[in-house]
C-alpha atoms as a PDB file:
ATOM      1  CA  UNK A   1      39.062 -23.793  23.802  1.00  0.00           C
ATOM      2  CA  UNK A   2      39.368 -20.998  21.307  1.00  0.00           C
ATOM      3  CA  UNK A   3      38.436 -23.517  18.554  1.00  0.00           C
ATOM      4  CA  UNK A   4      35.169 -24.480  20.499  1.00  0.00           C
ATOM      5  CA  UNK A   5      34.330 -20.801  20.718  1.00  0.00           C
ATOM      6  CA  UNK A   6      35.206 -20.080  17.045  1.00  0.00           C
ATOM      7  CA  UNK A   7      32.672 -22.928  16.001  1.00  0.00           C
ATOM      8  CA  UNK A   8      30.206 -22.006  18.661  1.00  0.00           C
ATOM      9  CA  UNK A   9      30.405 -18.238  16.890  1.00  0.00           C
ATOM     10  CA  UNK A  10      30.298 -19.582  13.288  1.00  0.00           C
ATOM     11  CA  UNK A  11      27.001 -21.631  13.991  1.00  0.00           C
ATOM     12  CA  UNK A  12      25.599 -18.539  15.577  1.00  0.00           C
ATOM     13  CA  UNK A  13      26.241 -16.398  12.728  1.00  0.00           C
ATOM     14  CA  UNK A  14      25.303 -18.916  10.175  1.00  0.00           C
ATOM     15  CA  UNK A  15      21.851 -19.293  12.034  1.00  0.00           C
ATOM     16  CA  UNK A  16      21.605 -15.380  11.664  1.00  0.00           C
ATOM     17  CA  UNK A  17      22.649 -15.324   8.194  1.00  0.00           C
ATOM     18  CA  UNK A  18      19.964 -18.086   7.524  1.00  0.00           C
ATOM     19  CA  UNK A  19      17.379 -16.249   9.289  1.00  0.00           C
ATOM     20  CA  UNK A  20      18.104 -13.121   7.443  1.00  0.00           C
ATOM     21  CA  UNK A  21      17.964 -14.941   4.247  1.00  0.00           C
ATOM     22  CA  UNK A  22      14.705 -16.459   4.878  1.00  0.00           C
ATOM     23  CA  UNK A  23      13.189 -13.157   6.035  1.00  0.00           C
ATOM     24  CA  UNK A  24      14.361 -11.870   2.868  1.00  0.00           C
ATOM     25  CA  UNK A  25      12.729 -14.315   0.713  1.00  0.00           C
ATOM     26  CA  UNK A  26       9.613 -14.208   2.694  1.00  0.00           C
ATOM     27  CA  UNK A  27       9.261 -10.459   2.073  1.00  0.00           C
ATOM     28  CA  UNK A  28      10.130 -10.861  -1.646  1.00  0.00           C
ATOM     29  CA  UNK A  29       7.857 -13.612  -2.103  1.00  0.00           C
ATOM     30  CA  UNK A  30       5.145 -11.429  -0.435  1.00  0.00           C
ATOM     31  CA  UNK A  31       5.552  -8.522  -2.643  1.00  0.00           C
ATOM     32  CA  UNK A  32       5.320 -10.884  -5.905  1.00  0.00           C
ATOM     33  CA  UNK A  33       2.291 -12.266  -4.676  1.00  0.00           C
ATOM     34  CA  UNK A  34       0.310  -9.028  -4.468  1.00  0.00           C
ATOM     35  CA  UNK A  35      -1.658  -8.402  -7.454  1.00  0.00           C
ATOM     36  CA  UNK A  36      -1.348  -5.342  -9.028  1.00  0.00           C
ATOM     37  CA  UNK A  37      -4.405  -3.325  -9.311  1.00  0.00           C
ATOM     38  CA  UNK A  38      -6.043  -3.057 -12.831  1.00  0.00           C
ATOM     39  CA  UNK A  39      -5.614   0.521 -14.441  1.00  0.00           C
ATOM     40  CA  UNK A  40      -8.873   2.441 -14.392  1.00  0.00           C
ATOM     41  CA  UNK A  41     -10.408   3.828 -17.655  1.00  0.00           C
ATOM     42  CA  UNK A  42      -9.209   7.256 -16.729  1.00  0.00           C
ATOM     43  CA  UNK A  43      -5.624   5.717 -16.199  1.00  0.00           C
ATOM     44  CA  UNK A  44      -5.680   4.306 -19.552  1.00  0.00           C
ATOM     45  CA  UNK A  45      -6.941   7.474 -21.113  1.00  0.00           C
ATOM     46  CA  UNK A  46      -4.578   9.902 -19.561  1.00  0.00           C
ATOM     47  CA  UNK A  47      -1.624   7.667 -19.714  1.00  0.00           C
ATOM     48  CA  UNK A  48      -0.364   8.919 -23.241  1.00  0.00           C
ATOM     49  CA  UNK A  49      -1.411  11.147 -26.182  1.00  0.00           C
ATOM     50  CA  UNK A  50      -3.743   9.511 -28.652  1.00  0.00           C
ATOM     51  CA  UNK A  51      -3.447   9.982 -32.428  1.00  0.00           C
ATOM     52  CA  UNK A  52      -6.364   9.207 -34.788  1.00  0.00           C
ATOM     53  CA  UNK A  53      -5.195   6.334 -36.855  1.00  0.00           C
ATOM     54  CA  UNK A  54      -8.426   5.412 -38.818  1.00  0.00           C
ATOM     55  CA  UNK A  55     -11.912   6.672 -39.575  1.00  0.00           C
ATOM     56  CA  UNK A  56     -14.653   4.520 -40.995  1.00  0.00           C
ATOM     57  CA  UNK A  57     -18.221   5.067 -41.962  1.00  0.00           C
ATOM     58  CA  UNK A  58     -20.218   2.233 -43.109  1.00  0.00           C
ATOM     59  CA  UNK A  59     -17.362   0.151 -42.533  1.00  0.00           C
ATOM     60  CA  UNK A  60     -15.346   1.705 -45.180  1.00  0.00           C
ATOM     61  CA  UNK A  61     -11.922   3.635 -44.122  1.00  0.00           C
ATOM     62  CA  UNK A  62     -11.821   7.432 -45.061  1.00  0.00           C
ATOM     63  CA  UNK A  63      -8.362   7.690 -43.419  1.00  0.00           C
ATOM     64  CA  UNK A  64      -6.681   7.841 -46.596  1.00  0.00           C
ATOM     65  CA  UNK A  65      -8.489  11.013 -47.655  1.00  0.00           C
ATOM     66  CA  UNK A  66      -7.127  12.975 -44.607  1.00  0.00           C
ATOM     67  CA  UNK A  67      -4.629  15.697 -45.240  1.00  0.00           C
ATOM     68  CA  UNK A  68      -0.860  14.687 -44.145  1.00  0.00           C
ATOM     69  CA  UNK A  69      -1.249  17.741 -41.577  1.00  0.00           C
ATOM     70  CA  UNK A  70      -4.232  16.306 -40.148  1.00  0.00           C
ATOM     71  CA  UNK A  71      -2.784  12.737 -39.541  1.00  0.00           C
ATOM     72  CA  UNK A  72      -0.111  14.029 -37.108  1.00  0.00           C
ATOM     73  CA  UNK A  73      -2.508  15.726 -34.871  1.00  0.00           C
ATOM     74  CA  UNK A  74      -3.067  14.230 -31.416  1.00  0.00           C
ATOM     75  CA  UNK A  75      -5.070  14.560 -28.243  1.00  0.00           C
ATOM     76  CA  UNK A  76      -3.717  14.567 -24.952  1.00  0.00           C
ATOM     77  CA  UNK A  77      -6.440  13.791 -22.214  1.00  0.00           C
ATOM     78  CA  UNK A  78      -5.616  15.328 -18.690  1.00  0.00           C
ATOM     79  CA  UNK A  79      -6.657  13.862 -15.356  1.00  0.00           C
ATOM     80  CA  UNK A  80      -8.499  17.100 -14.503  1.00  0.00           C
ATOM     81  CA  UNK A  81     -10.934  16.212 -17.436  1.00  0.00           C
ATOM     82  CA  UNK A  82      -9.196  18.963 -19.894  1.00  0.00           C
ATOM     83  CA  UNK A  83      -7.967  17.844 -23.091  1.00  0.00           C
ATOM     84  CA  UNK A  84      -4.973  19.353 -25.070  1.00  0.00           C
ATOM     85  CA  UNK A  85      -5.572  19.169 -28.870  1.00  0.00           C
ATOM     86  CA  UNK A  86      -2.263  19.570 -30.610  1.00  0.00           C
ATOM     87  CA  UNK A  87      -1.731  19.880 -34.365  1.00  0.00           C
ATOM     88  CA  UNK A  88       1.629  17.732 -34.389  1.00  0.00           C
ATOM     89  CA  UNK A  89       4.820  18.813 -36.295  1.00  0.00           C
ATOM     90  CA  UNK A  90       3.048  19.389 -39.711  1.00  0.00           C
ATOM     91  CA  UNK A  91       0.485  22.169 -39.213  1.00  0.00           C
ATOM     92  CA  UNK A  92      -2.239  22.904 -41.935  1.00  0.00           C
ATOM     93  CA  UNK A  93      -2.800  26.401 -41.215  1.00  0.00           C
ATOM     94  CA  UNK A  94       0.294  28.372 -39.783  1.00  0.00           C
ATOM     95  CA  UNK A  95      -2.230  30.852 -38.133  1.00  0.00           C
ATOM     96  CA  UNK A  96      -3.726  28.685 -35.876  1.00  0.00           C
ATOM     97  CA  UNK A  97      -2.193  27.944 -32.545  1.00  0.00           C
ATOM     98  CA  UNK A  98      -0.039  24.784 -32.172  1.00  0.00           C
ATOM     99  CA  UNK A  99      -2.390  23.643 -29.484  1.00  0.00           C
ATOM    100  CA  UNK A 100      -5.689  24.354 -28.042  1.00  0.00           C
ATOM    101  CA  UNK A 101      -7.938  23.117 -24.811  1.00  0.00           C
ATOM    102  CA  UNK A 102     -11.269  21.411 -24.991  1.00  0.00           C
ATOM    103  CA  UNK A 103     -12.445  18.889 -22.274  1.00  0.00           C
ATOM    104  CA  UNK A 104     -13.689  15.348 -21.896  1.00  0.00           C
ATOM    105  CA  UNK A 105     -15.719  13.094 -19.965  1.00  0.00           C
ATOM    106  CA  UNK A 106     -17.048   9.634 -19.318  1.00  0.00           C
ATOM    107  CA  UNK A 107     -20.837   9.252 -19.701  1.00  0.00           C
ATOM    108  CA  UNK A 108     -23.342   6.449 -19.163  1.00  0.00           C
ATOM    109  CA  UNK A 109     -21.260   4.316 -16.493  1.00  0.00           C
ATOM    110  CA  UNK A 110     -18.115   5.034 -18.322  1.00  0.00           C
ATOM    111  CA  UNK A 111     -19.315   3.268 -21.651  1.00  0.00           C
ATOM    112  CA  UNK A 112     -19.267   6.526 -23.673  1.00  0.00           C
ATOM    113  CA  UNK A 113     -16.703   9.418 -24.175  1.00  0.00           C
ATOM    114  CA  UNK A 114     -17.798  12.829 -24.639  1.00  0.00           C
ATOM    115  CA  UNK A 115     -15.119  15.039 -26.235  1.00  0.00           C
ATOM    116  CA  UNK A 116     -15.402  18.976 -26.768  1.00  0.00           C
ATOM    117  CA  UNK A 117     -13.126  20.394 -29.074  1.00  0.00           C
ATOM    118  CA  UNK A 118     -11.522  23.959 -29.034  1.00  0.00           C
ATOM    119  CA  UNK A 119     -14.365  25.146 -31.091  1.00  0.00           C
ATOM    120  CA  UNK A 120     -17.140  23.649 -28.857  1.00  0.00           C
ATOM    121  CA  UNK A 121     -18.119  20.929 -31.060  1.00  0.00           C
ATOM    122  CA  UNK A 122     -19.108  17.967 -29.108  1.00  0.00           C
ATOM    123  CA  UNK A 123     -18.230  14.284 -30.172  1.00  0.00           C
ATOM    124  CA  UNK A 124     -19.836  11.448 -27.947  1.00  0.00           C
ATOM    125  CA  UNK A 125     -18.995   7.843 -29.065  1.00  0.00           C
ATOM    126  CA  UNK A 126     -19.436   4.473 -27.521  1.00  0.00           C
ATOM    127  CA  UNK A 127     -16.199   3.062 -26.239  1.00  0.00           C
ATOM    128  CA  UNK A 128     -15.686  -0.224 -28.136  1.00  0.00           C
ATOM    129  CA  UNK A 129     -11.942  -0.435 -27.072  1.00  0.00           C
ATOM    130  CA  UNK A 130      -9.862   1.308 -24.474  1.00  0.00           C
ATOM    131  CA  UNK A 131      -6.506  -0.329 -23.628  1.00  0.00           C
ATOM    132  CA  UNK A 132      -3.060   1.032 -22.992  1.00  0.00           C
ATOM    133  CA  UNK A 133      -2.310   1.075 -26.939  1.00  0.00           C
ATOM    134  CA  UNK A 134      -5.888   1.612 -28.633  1.00  0.00           C
ATOM    135  CA  UNK A 135      -9.166   3.634 -28.345  1.00  0.00           C
ATOM    136  CA  UNK A 136     -12.011   2.932 -30.416  1.00  0.00           C
ATOM    137  CA  UNK A 137     -15.240   4.866 -30.447  1.00  0.00           C
ATOM    138  CA  UNK A 138     -18.242   3.996 -32.437  1.00  0.00           C
ATOM    139  CA  UNK A 139     -21.557   5.696 -33.251  1.00  0.00           C
ATOM    140  CA  UNK A 140     -24.406   3.618 -34.873  1.00  0.00           C
ATOM    141  CA  UNK A 141     -25.794   6.596 -36.886  1.00  0.00           C
ATOM    142  CA  UNK A 142     -22.653   8.608 -37.704  1.00  0.00           C
ATOM    143  CA  UNK A 143     -23.277   8.454 -41.189  1.00  0.00           C
ATOM    144  CA  UNK A 144     -26.821   8.861 -41.185  1.00  0.00           C
ATOM    145  CA  UNK A 145     -29.634   6.631 -39.900  1.00  0.00           C
ATOM    146  CA  UNK A 146     -28.287   3.039 -39.730  1.00  0.00           C
ATOM    147  CA  UNK A 147     -24.885   3.926 -40.945  1.00  0.00           C
ATOM    148  CA  UNK A 148     -22.165   3.349 -38.384  1.00  0.00           C
ATOM    149  CA  UNK A 149     -19.106   5.281 -37.768  1.00  0.00           C
ATOM    150  CA  UNK A 150     -15.740   4.388 -36.134  1.00  0.00           C
ATOM    151  CA  UNK A 151     -12.755   6.206 -35.123  1.00  0.00           C
ATOM    152  CA  UNK A 152      -9.567   4.417 -33.984  1.00  0.00           C
ATOM    153  CA  UNK A 153      -7.103   6.182 -31.954  1.00  0.00           C
ATOM    154  CA  UNK A 154      -3.528   4.811 -31.143  1.00  0.00           C
ATOM    155  CA  UNK A 155      -1.216   5.795 -28.085  1.00  0.00           C
ATOM    156  CA  UNK A 156       1.888   7.412 -28.901  1.00  0.00           C
END
């Protein structure tokens, strides 16, 4: 009799374990099948700091002509539309602050990026690329009429 009771208990227990395992699998599969939302342009822009890694005018790169102290500068775009311009580890002018504030905004249905630096100078470029690792801005007449310019930034 004790043996029958034990077998009955084991059968019930294994049913409960099986049901629990199936429930866990169902929940786990449900979570895996839910698609993650694509990051917005703001999400991509504000996720990291950005360092200028190339400047082209008329298709020719001028990045090599930048001073080393300018090559390590970076911009941090903040969710509140402010931007922090940082001079990086190597500063060109020790009398200038390490970092200063500016602002940014998307224009033309988020196809352009408008950036105002700490001096109030405004740059606006077409967003050619915006990914988790790369930001490319272009302007068809940056180097004069018909001479395109392009700024490439890399996330850091």
